[in-house]
PDB file of N, CA and C in Angstrom:
ATOM      1  N   UNK A   1       2.348 -22.119 -10.906  1.00  0.00           N
ATOM      2  CA  UNK A   1       2.360 -21.348  -9.755  1.00  0.00           C
ATOM      3  C   UNK A   1       1.219 -20.438  -9.646  1.00  0.00           C
ATOM      4  N   UNK A   2       0.614 -20.123  -8.524  1.00  0.00           N
ATOM      5  CA  UNK A   2      -0.497 -19.122  -8.431  1.00  0.00           C
ATOM      6  C   UNK A   2      -0.007 -17.800  -8.791  1.00  0.00           C
ATOM      7  N   UNK A   3      -0.811 -16.948  -9.395  1.00  0.00           N
ATOM      8  CA  UNK A   3      -0.606 -15.569  -9.763  1.00  0.00           C
ATOM      9  C   UNK A   3      -1.967 -14.792  -9.752  1.00  0.00           C
ATOM     10  N   UNK A   4      -1.745 -13.506  -9.664  1.00  0.00           N
ATOM     11  CA  UNK A   4      -3.047 -12.694  -9.641  1.00  0.00           C
ATOM     12  C   UNK A   4      -2.462 -11.339 -10.238  1.00  0.00           C
ATOM     13  N   UNK A   5      -3.581 -10.551 -10.581  1.00  0.00           N
ATOM     14  CA  UNK A   5      -3.323  -9.172 -11.115  1.00  0.00           C
ATOM     15  C   UNK A   5      -4.198  -8.230 -10.407  1.00  0.00           C
ATOM     16  N   UNK A   6      -3.736  -7.019  -9.936  1.00  0.00           N
ATOM     17  CA  UNK A   6      -4.420  -6.287  -9.338  1.00  0.00           C
ATOM     18  C   UNK A   6      -4.105  -4.664  -9.545  1.00  0.00           C
ATOM     19  N   UNK A   7      -4.887  -3.742  -9.174  1.00  0.00           N
ATOM     20  CA  UNK A   7      -4.584  -2.345  -9.160  1.00  0.00           C
ATOM     21  C   UNK A   7      -4.753  -1.791  -7.903  1.00  0.00           C
ATOM     22  N   UNK A   8      -3.876  -0.740  -7.652  1.00  0.00           N
ATOM     23  CA  UNK A   8      -4.105  -0.176  -6.286  1.00  0.00           C
ATOM     24  C   UNK A   8      -3.745   1.292  -6.346  1.00  0.00           C
ATOM     25  N   UNK A   9      -4.180   1.921  -5.378  1.00  0.00           N
ATOM     26  CA  UNK A   9      -3.947   3.434  -5.062  1.00  0.00           C
ATOM     27  C   UNK A   9      -3.216   3.418  -3.659  1.00  0.00           C
ATOM     28  N   UNK A  10      -2.134   4.038  -3.643  1.00  0.00           N
ATOM     29  CA  UNK A  10      -1.484   4.221  -2.393  1.00  0.00           C
ATOM     30  C   UNK A  10      -1.272   5.609  -2.027  1.00  0.00           C
ATOM     31  N   UNK A  11      -1.702   5.896  -0.722  1.00  0.00           N
ATOM     32  CA  UNK A  11      -1.662   7.253  -0.229  1.00  0.00           C
ATOM     33  C   UNK A  11      -1.117   7.238   1.297  1.00  0.00           C
ATOM     34  N   UNK A  12      -0.706   8.416   1.642  1.00  0.00           N
ATOM     35  CA  UNK A  12      -0.066   8.530   3.044  1.00  0.00           C
ATOM     36  C   UNK A  12      -0.943   8.360   4.183  1.00  0.00           C
ATOM     37  N   UNK A  13      -2.074   8.921   4.097  1.00  0.00           N
ATOM     38  CA  UNK A  13      -3.087   8.788   5.323  1.00  0.00           C
ATOM     39  C   UNK A  13      -4.303   8.003   4.993  1.00  0.00           C
ATOM     40  N   UNK A  14      -4.895   7.574   6.226  1.00  0.00           N
ATOM     41  CA  UNK A  14      -6.179   6.881   6.096  1.00  0.00           C
ATOM     42  C   UNK A  14      -7.217   7.762   5.643  1.00  0.00           C
ATOM     43  N   UNK A  15      -7.293   9.074   6.018  1.00  0.00           N
ATOM     44  CA  UNK A  15      -8.250   9.966   5.527  1.00  0.00           C
ATOM     45  C   UNK A  15      -8.257  10.124   4.196  1.00  0.00           C
ATOM     46  N   UNK A  16      -7.053  10.373   3.615  1.00  0.00           N
ATOM     47  CA  UNK A  16      -7.038  10.315   2.017  1.00  0.00           C
ATOM     48  C   UNK A  16      -7.551   9.265   1.523  1.00  0.00           C
ATOM     49  N   UNK A  17      -7.233   7.916   1.912  1.00  0.00           N
ATOM     50  CA  UNK A  17      -7.764   6.727   1.323  1.00  0.00           C
ATOM     51  C   UNK A  17      -9.291   6.554   1.439  1.00  0.00           C
ATOM     52  N   UNK A  18      -9.823   7.035   2.649  1.00  0.00           N
ATOM     53  CA  UNK A  18     -11.335   7.130   2.867  1.00  0.00           C
ATOM     54  C   UNK A  18     -11.995   7.867   1.898  1.00  0.00           C
ATOM     55  N   UNK A  19     -11.339   9.057   1.640  1.00  0.00           N
ATOM     56  CA  UNK A  19     -11.908  10.096   0.786  1.00  0.00           C
ATOM     57  C   UNK A  19     -11.830   9.477  -0.763  1.00  0.00           C
ATOM     58  N   UNK A  20     -10.795   8.863  -1.158  1.00  0.00           N
ATOM     59  CA  UNK A  20     -10.876   8.295  -2.524  1.00  0.00           C
ATOM     60  C   UNK A  20     -11.664   7.126  -2.646  1.00  0.00           C
ATOM     61  N   UNK A  21     -11.905   6.407  -1.542  1.00  0.00           N
ATOM     62  CA  UNK A  21     -12.795   5.154  -1.589  1.00  0.00           C
ATOM     63  C   UNK A  21     -14.371   5.717  -1.759  1.00  0.00           C
ATOM     64  N   UNK A  22     -14.591   6.841  -0.948  1.00  0.00           N
ATOM     65  CA  UNK A  22     -15.891   7.364  -1.279  1.00  0.00           C
ATOM     66  C   UNK A  22     -16.144   7.844  -2.765  1.00  0.00           C
ATOM     67  N   UNK A  23     -15.159   8.402  -3.294  1.00  0.00           N
ATOM     68  CA  UNK A  23     -15.203   8.793  -4.686  1.00  0.00           C
ATOM     69  C   UNK A  23     -15.427   7.423  -5.610  1.00  0.00           C
ATOM     70  N   UNK A  24     -14.598   6.588  -5.356  1.00  0.00           N
ATOM     71  CA  UNK A  24     -14.766   5.268  -6.099  1.00  0.00           C
ATOM     72  C   UNK A  24     -16.051   4.627  -5.774  1.00  0.00           C
ATOM     73  N   UNK A  25     -16.595   4.653  -4.765  1.00  0.00           N
ATOM     74  CA  UNK A  25     -17.974   4.145  -4.596  1.00  0.00           C
ATOM     75  C   UNK A  25     -19.070   4.874  -5.216  1.00  0.00           C
ATOM     76  N   UNK A  26     -18.933   6.151  -5.538  1.00  0.00           N
ATOM     77  CA  UNK A  26     -19.730   6.964  -6.214  1.00  0.00           C
ATOM     78  C   UNK A  26     -19.432   6.792  -7.821  1.00  0.00           C
ATOM     79  N   UNK A  27     -18.607   6.001  -8.259  1.00  0.00           N
ATOM     80  CA  UNK A  27     -18.491   5.864  -9.576  1.00  0.00           C
ATOM     81  C   UNK A  27     -17.169   6.530 -10.140  1.00  0.00           C
ATOM     82  N   UNK A  28     -16.452   7.103  -9.390  1.00  0.00           N
ATOM     83  CA  UNK A  28     -15.210   7.731  -9.994  1.00  0.00           C
ATOM     84  C   UNK A  28     -14.310   6.614 -10.779  1.00  0.00           C
ATOM     85  N   UNK A  29     -13.456   7.243 -11.606  1.00  0.00           N
ATOM     86  CA  UNK A  29     -12.591   6.265 -12.464  1.00  0.00           C
ATOM     87  C   UNK A  29     -11.411   5.961 -11.580  1.00  0.00           C
ATOM     88  N   UNK A  30     -11.267   4.624 -11.453  1.00  0.00           N
ATOM     89  CA  UNK A  30      -9.999   4.243 -10.618  1.00  0.00           C
ATOM     90  C   UNK A  30      -8.738   4.634 -11.350  1.00  0.00           C
ATOM     91  N   UNK A  31      -8.618   4.518 -12.651  1.00  0.00           N
ATOM     92  CA  UNK A  31      -7.360   4.856 -13.314  1.00  0.00           C
ATOM     93  C   UNK A  31      -7.068   6.408 -13.080  1.00  0.00           C
ATOM     94  N   UNK A  32      -7.927   7.145 -13.214  1.00  0.00           N
ATOM     95  CA  UNK A  32      -7.750   8.514 -13.013  1.00  0.00           C
ATOM     96  C   UNK A  32      -7.346   8.912 -11.769  1.00  0.00           C
ATOM     97  N   UNK A  33      -7.951   8.350 -10.749  1.00  0.00           N
ATOM     98  CA  UNK A  33      -7.632   8.782  -9.356  1.00  0.00           C
ATOM     99  C   UNK A  33      -6.210   8.088  -9.008  1.00  0.00           C
ATOM    100  N   UNK A  34      -5.860   6.913  -9.539  1.00  0.00           N
ATOM    101  CA  UNK A  34      -4.536   6.387  -9.339  1.00  0.00           C
ATOM    102  C   UNK A  34      -3.519   7.294  -9.814  1.00  0.00           C
ATOM    103  N   UNK A  35      -3.731   7.713 -11.172  1.00  0.00           N
ATOM    104  CA  UNK A  35      -2.736   8.658 -11.801  1.00  0.00           C
ATOM    105  C   UNK A  35      -2.435   9.970 -10.963  1.00  0.00           C
ATOM    106  N   UNK A  36      -3.584  10.350 -10.536  1.00  0.00           N
ATOM    107  CA  UNK A  36      -3.693  11.703  -9.753  1.00  0.00           C
ATOM    108  C   UNK A  36      -3.125  11.742  -8.380  1.00  0.00           C
ATOM    109  N   UNK A  37      -3.452  10.629  -7.514  1.00  0.00           N
ATOM    110  CA  UNK A  37      -3.285  10.791  -6.153  1.00  0.00           C
ATOM    111  C   UNK A  37      -2.252   9.674  -5.594  1.00  0.00           C
ATOM    112  N   UNK A  38      -2.094   8.469  -6.344  1.00  0.00           N
ATOM    113  CA  UNK A  38      -1.294   7.470  -5.807  1.00  0.00           C
ATOM    114  C   UNK A  38       0.186   7.899  -5.670  1.00  0.00           C
ATOM    115  N   UNK A  39       0.970   7.486  -4.738  1.00  0.00           N
ATOM    116  CA  UNK A  39       2.410   7.814  -4.535  1.00  0.00           C
ATOM    117  C   UNK A  39       3.157   6.664  -4.888  1.00  0.00           C
ATOM    118  N   UNK A  40       2.632   5.540  -5.506  1.00  0.00           N
ATOM    119  CA  UNK A  40       3.413   4.478  -5.946  1.00  0.00           C
ATOM    120  C   UNK A  40       3.792   4.612  -7.466  1.00  0.00           C
ATOM    121  N   UNK A  41       4.823   4.142  -7.853  1.00  0.00           N
ATOM    122  CA  UNK A  41       5.174   4.279  -9.269  1.00  0.00           C
ATOM    123  C   UNK A  41       4.236   3.595 -10.252  1.00  0.00           C
ATOM    124  N   UNK A  42       3.301   2.775  -9.695  1.00  0.00           N
ATOM    125  CA  UNK A  42       2.338   2.051 -10.524  1.00  0.00           C
ATOM    126  C   UNK A  42       1.303   3.035 -11.042  1.00  0.00           C
ATOM    127  N   UNK A  43       1.369   4.186 -10.446  1.00  0.00           N
ATOM    128  CA  UNK A  43       0.349   5.321 -10.855  1.00  0.00           C
ATOM    129  C   UNK A  43       0.488   5.506 -12.431  1.00  0.00           C
ATOM    130  N   UNK A  44       1.630   5.320 -13.037  1.00  0.00           N
ATOM    131  CA  UNK A  44       2.028   5.672 -14.477  1.00  0.00           C
ATOM    132  C   UNK A  44       1.251   4.558 -15.325  1.00  0.00           C
ATOM    133  N   UNK A  45       0.812   3.414 -14.650  1.00  0.00           N
ATOM    134  CA  UNK A  45       0.159   2.478 -15.300  1.00  0.00           C
ATOM    135  C   UNK A  45      -1.257   2.396 -14.838  1.00  0.00           C
ATOM    136  N   UNK A  46      -1.803   3.508 -14.287  1.00  0.00           N
ATOM    137  CA  UNK A  46      -3.233   3.596 -13.862  1.00  0.00           C
ATOM    138  C   UNK A  46      -3.357   2.755 -12.590  1.00  0.00           C
ATOM    139  N   UNK A  47      -2.329   2.569 -11.891  1.00  0.00           N
ATOM    140  CA  UNK A  47      -2.323   1.813 -10.579  1.00  0.00           C
ATOM    141  C   UNK A  47      -2.209   0.318 -10.710  1.00  0.00           C
ATOM    142  N   UNK A  48      -1.899  -0.206 -11.983  1.00  0.00           N
ATOM    143  CA  UNK A  48      -1.851  -1.560 -12.170  1.00  0.00           C
ATOM    144  C   UNK A  48      -0.501  -2.115 -11.908  1.00  0.00           C
ATOM    145  N   UNK A  49      -0.580  -3.123 -10.973  1.00  0.00           N
ATOM    146  CA  UNK A  49       0.572  -3.744 -10.253  1.00  0.00           C
ATOM    147  C   UNK A  49       1.154  -4.925 -11.313  1.00  0.00           C
ATOM    148  N   UNK A  50       0.411  -5.246 -12.416  1.00  0.00           N
ATOM    149  CA  UNK A  50       0.894  -6.265 -13.275  1.00  0.00           C
ATOM    150  C   UNK A  50       0.717  -7.677 -12.543  1.00  0.00           C
ATOM    151  N   UNK A  51       1.411  -8.613 -13.204  1.00  0.00           N
ATOM    152  CA  UNK A  51       1.261 -10.017 -12.665  1.00  0.00           C
ATOM    153  C   UNK A  51       1.962 -10.156 -11.313  1.00  0.00           C
ATOM    154  N   UNK A  52       1.390 -10.592 -10.336  1.00  0.00           N
ATOM    155  CA  UNK A  52       1.845 -10.667  -9.052  1.00  0.00           C
ATOM    156  C   UNK A  52       1.913 -12.304  -8.554  1.00  0.00           C
ATOM    157  N   UNK A  53       3.054 -12.596  -7.960  1.00  0.00           N
ATOM    158  CA  UNK A  53       3.281 -14.014  -7.354  1.00  0.00           C
ATOM    159  C   UNK A  53       3.322 -13.882  -5.899  1.00  0.00           C
ATOM    160  N   UNK A  54       3.057 -14.941  -5.197  1.00  0.00           N
ATOM    161  CA  UNK A  54       3.287 -14.973  -3.802  1.00  0.00           C
ATOM    162  C   UNK A  54       4.737 -14.558  -3.350  1.00  0.00           C
ATOM    163  N   UNK A  55       4.677 -13.804  -2.270  1.00  0.00           N
ATOM    164  CA  UNK A  55       6.075 -13.352  -1.784  1.00  0.00           C
ATOM    165  C   UNK A  55       6.448 -12.041  -2.348  1.00  0.00           C
ATOM    166  N   UNK A  56       5.791 -11.557  -3.287  1.00  0.00           N
ATOM    167  CA  UNK A  56       6.321 -10.103  -3.984  1.00  0.00           C
ATOM    168  C   UNK A  56       5.705  -8.925  -3.112  1.00  0.00           C
ATOM    169  N   UNK A  57       4.903  -9.109  -2.439  1.00  0.00           N
ATOM    170  CA  UNK A  57       4.168  -7.779  -1.865  1.00  0.00           C
ATOM    171  C   UNK A  57       4.308  -7.960  -0.392  1.00  0.00           C
ATOM    172  N   UNK A  58       4.069  -6.749   0.433  1.00  0.00           N
ATOM    173  CA  UNK A  58       3.992  -6.766   1.813  1.00  0.00           C
ATOM    174  C   UNK A  58       2.796  -7.764   2.078  1.00  0.00           C
ATOM    175  N   UNK A  59       2.737  -8.443   3.323  1.00  0.00           N
ATOM    176  CA  UNK A  59       1.738  -9.369   3.738  1.00  0.00           C
ATOM    177  C   UNK A  59       0.409  -8.833   3.797  1.00  0.00           C
ATOM    178  N   UNK A  60       0.148  -7.572   4.167  1.00  0.00           N
ATOM    179  CA  UNK A  60      -1.331  -7.055   4.051  1.00  0.00           C
ATOM    180  C   UNK A  60      -1.973  -7.035   2.926  1.00  0.00           C
ATOM    181  N   UNK A  61      -1.068  -6.621   1.994  1.00  0.00           N
ATOM    182  CA  UNK A  61      -1.527  -6.488   0.517  1.00  0.00           C
ATOM    183  C   UNK A  61      -1.602  -7.844  -0.052  1.00  0.00           C
ATOM    184  N   UNK A  62      -0.699  -8.743   0.115  1.00  0.00           N
ATOM    185  CA  UNK A  62      -0.728 -10.018  -0.469  1.00  0.00           C
ATOM    186  C   UNK A  62      -1.872 -10.750   0.005  1.00  0.00           C
ATOM    187  N   UNK A  63      -2.237 -10.614   1.236  1.00  0.00           N
ATOM    188  CA  UNK A  63      -3.531 -11.436   1.786  1.00  0.00           C
ATOM    189  C   UNK A  63      -4.677 -10.897   1.023  1.00  0.00           C
ATOM    190  N   UNK A  64      -4.842  -9.773   0.642  1.00  0.00           N
ATOM    191  CA  UNK A  64      -5.976  -9.061  -0.201  1.00  0.00           C
ATOM    192  C   UNK A  64      -5.912  -9.836  -1.554  1.00  0.00           C
ATOM    193  N   UNK A  65      -4.691  -9.589  -2.116  1.00  0.00           N
ATOM    194  CA  UNK A  65      -4.626 -10.079  -3.502  1.00  0.00           C
ATOM    195  C   UNK A  65      -4.936 -11.526  -3.686  1.00  0.00           C
ATOM    196  N   UNK A  66      -4.512 -12.423  -2.700  1.00  0.00           N
ATOM    197  CA  UNK A  66      -4.796 -13.946  -2.898  1.00  0.00           C
ATOM    198  C   UNK A  66      -5.949 -14.488  -2.084  1.00  0.00           C
ATOM    199  N   UNK A  67      -6.567 -13.753  -1.286  1.00  0.00           N
ATOM    200  CA  UNK A  67      -7.570 -14.272  -0.453  1.00  0.00           C
ATOM    201  C   UNK A  67      -8.982 -13.628  -0.509  1.00  0.00           C
ATOM    202  N   UNK A  68      -9.027 -12.286  -0.909  1.00  0.00           N
ATOM    203  CA  UNK A  68     -10.217 -11.615  -0.880  1.00  0.00           C
ATOM    204  C   UNK A  68     -11.046 -11.811  -2.316  1.00  0.00           C
ATOM    205  N   UNK A  69     -12.298 -11.409  -2.293  1.00  0.00           N
ATOM    206  CA  UNK A  69     -13.062 -11.524  -3.536  1.00  0.00           C
ATOM    207  C   UNK A  69     -12.418 -10.633  -4.592  1.00  0.00           C
ATOM    208  N   UNK A  70     -12.646 -11.236  -5.916  1.00  0.00           N
ATOM    209  CA  UNK A  70     -12.323 -10.501  -7.126  1.00  0.00           C
ATOM    210  C   UNK A  70     -13.125  -9.292  -7.399  1.00  0.00           C
ATOM    211  N   UNK A  71     -12.742  -8.436  -8.211  1.00  0.00           N
ATOM    212  CA  UNK A  71     -13.555  -7.182  -8.543  1.00  0.00           C
ATOM    213  C   UNK A  71     -14.190  -6.388  -7.678  1.00  0.00           C
ATOM    214  N   UNK A  72     -13.822  -6.444  -6.332  1.00  0.00           N
ATOM    215  CA  UNK A  72     -14.375  -5.635  -5.249  1.00  0.00           C
ATOM    216  C   UNK A  72     -13.243  -4.629  -4.807  1.00  0.00           C
ATOM    217  N   UNK A  73     -13.604  -3.430  -4.285  1.00  0.00           N
ATOM    218  CA  UNK A  73     -12.757  -2.496  -3.812  1.00  0.00           C
ATOM    219  C   UNK A  73     -12.451  -2.760  -2.243  1.00  0.00           C
ATOM    220  N   UNK A  74     -11.200  -3.100  -1.965  1.00  0.00           N
ATOM    221  CA  UNK A  74     -10.816  -3.360  -0.736  1.00  0.00           C
ATOM    222  C   UNK A  74      -9.817  -2.249  -0.058  1.00  0.00           C
ATOM    223  N   UNK A  75     -10.140  -1.946   1.189  1.00  0.00           N
ATOM    224  CA  UNK A  75      -9.300  -0.959   1.858  1.00  0.00           C
ATOM    225  C   UNK A  75     -10.111   0.001   2.579  1.00  0.00           C
ATOM    226  N   UNK A  76      -9.532   0.918   3.098  1.00  0.00           N
ATOM    227  CA  UNK A  76      -7.938   1.205   3.207  1.00  0.00           C
ATOM    228  C   UNK A  76      -7.361   0.012   3.924  1.00  0.00           C
ATOM    229  N   UNK A  77      -6.118  -0.418   3.509  1.00  0.00           N
ATOM    230  CA  UNK A  77      -5.365  -1.349   4.044  1.00  0.00           C
ATOM    231  C   UNK A  77      -4.022  -0.612   4.453  1.00  0.00           C
ATOM    232  N   UNK A  78      -3.693  -0.766   5.769  1.00  0.00           N
ATOM    233  CA  UNK A  78      -2.496  -0.172   6.163  1.00  0.00           C
ATOM    234  C   UNK A  78      -1.176  -1.094   5.993  1.00  0.00           C
ATOM    235  N   UNK A  79      -0.107  -0.482   5.419  1.00  0.00           N
ATOM    236  CA  UNK A  79       1.070  -1.175   5.378  1.00  0.00           C
ATOM    237  C   UNK A  79       2.137  -0.218   5.788  1.00  0.00           C
ATOM    238  N   UNK A  80       3.495  -0.614   5.712  1.00  0.00           N
ATOM    239  CA  UNK A  80       4.642   0.387   6.122  1.00  0.00           C
ATOM    240  C   UNK A  80       4.648   1.407   5.137  1.00  0.00           C
ATOM    241  N   UNK A  81       4.176   1.398   4.009  1.00  0.00           N
ATOM    242  CA  UNK A  81       4.277   2.452   2.961  1.00  0.00           C
ATOM    243  C   UNK A  81       3.104   3.507   2.988  1.00  0.00           C
ATOM    244  N   UNK A  82       2.065   3.066   3.600  1.00  0.00           N
ATOM    245  CA  UNK A  82       0.912   4.068   3.791  1.00  0.00           C
ATOM    246  C   UNK A  82      -0.401   3.147   3.735  1.00  0.00           C
ATOM    247  N   UNK A  83      -1.467   3.755   3.028  1.00  0.00           N
ATOM    248  CA  UNK A  83      -2.761   3.216   3.005  1.00  0.00           C
ATOM    249  C   UNK A  83      -3.137   2.842   1.459  1.00  0.00           C
ATOM    250  N   UNK A  84      -3.528   1.634   1.265  1.00  0.00           N
ATOM    251  CA  UNK A  84      -3.864   1.121   0.027  1.00  0.00           C
ATOM    252  C   UNK A  84      -5.395   0.840  -0.230  1.00  0.00           C
ATOM    253  N   UNK A  85      -5.795   1.185  -1.602  1.00  0.00           N
ATOM    254  CA  UNK A  85      -6.963   0.740  -2.025  1.00  0.00           C
ATOM    255  C   UNK A  85      -6.715  -0.250  -3.044  1.00  0.00           C
ATOM    256  N   UNK A  86      -7.456  -1.369  -3.177  1.00  0.00           N
ATOM    257  CA  UNK A  86      -6.947  -2.419  -3.947  1.00  0.00           C
ATOM    258  C   UNK A  86      -8.127  -3.106  -4.617  1.00  0.00           C
ATOM    259  N   UNK A  87      -7.951  -3.433  -5.911  1.00  0.00           N
ATOM    260  CA  UNK A  87      -8.997  -4.128  -6.770  1.00  0.00           C
ATOM    261  C   UNK A  87      -8.293  -5.319  -7.425  1.00  0.00           C
ATOM    262  N   UNK A  88      -8.520  -6.510  -7.046  1.00  0.00           N
ATOM    263  CA  UNK A  88      -7.906  -7.895  -7.738  1.00  0.00           C
ATOM    264  C   UNK A  88      -8.883  -8.087  -8.900  1.00  0.00           C
ATOM    265  N   UNK A  89      -8.195  -8.124 -10.144  1.00  0.00           N
ATOM    266  CA  UNK A  89      -9.118  -8.465 -11.211  1.00  0.00           C
ATOM    267  C   UNK A  89      -8.817  -9.708 -11.889  1.00  0.00           C
ATOM    268  N   UNK A  90      -7.750 -10.396 -11.556  1.00  0.00           N
ATOM    269  CA  UNK A  90      -7.555 -11.774 -11.849  1.00  0.00           C
ATOM    270  C   UNK A  90      -6.752 -12.581 -10.994  1.00  0.00           C
ATOM    271  N   UNK A  91      -7.029 -13.837 -10.927  1.00  0.00           N
ATOM    272  CA  UNK A  91      -6.331 -14.763 -10.044  1.00  0.00           C
ATOM    273  C   UNK A  91      -6.292 -16.181 -10.664  1.00  0.00           C
ATOM    274  N   UNK A  92      -5.156 -16.785 -10.785  1.00  0.00           N
ATOM    275  CA  UNK A  92      -5.109 -18.169 -11.239  1.00  0.00           C
ATOM    276  C   UNK A  92      -4.741 -19.092 -10.152  1.00  0.00           C
TER     277      UNK A  92
END
């Protein structure tokens, strides 16, 4: 079965996501920003979502996890939970 591993940061507004994305583009540490700003419980694991299988995530995020290039920062991506910044670091 296909699987992937990803990290993400979830915030409430697009403006917050854009600000964090700019910091990441300038070399900020993803894990530190996830711990400090993400509203997802995954913030305790530096934003790591662990092993992901199809059907576990909302469609907008799942599309990124299973279809977009690895090791690139994707987002902001809007879902019903807020705005996500996602980095996929493994896919089988």
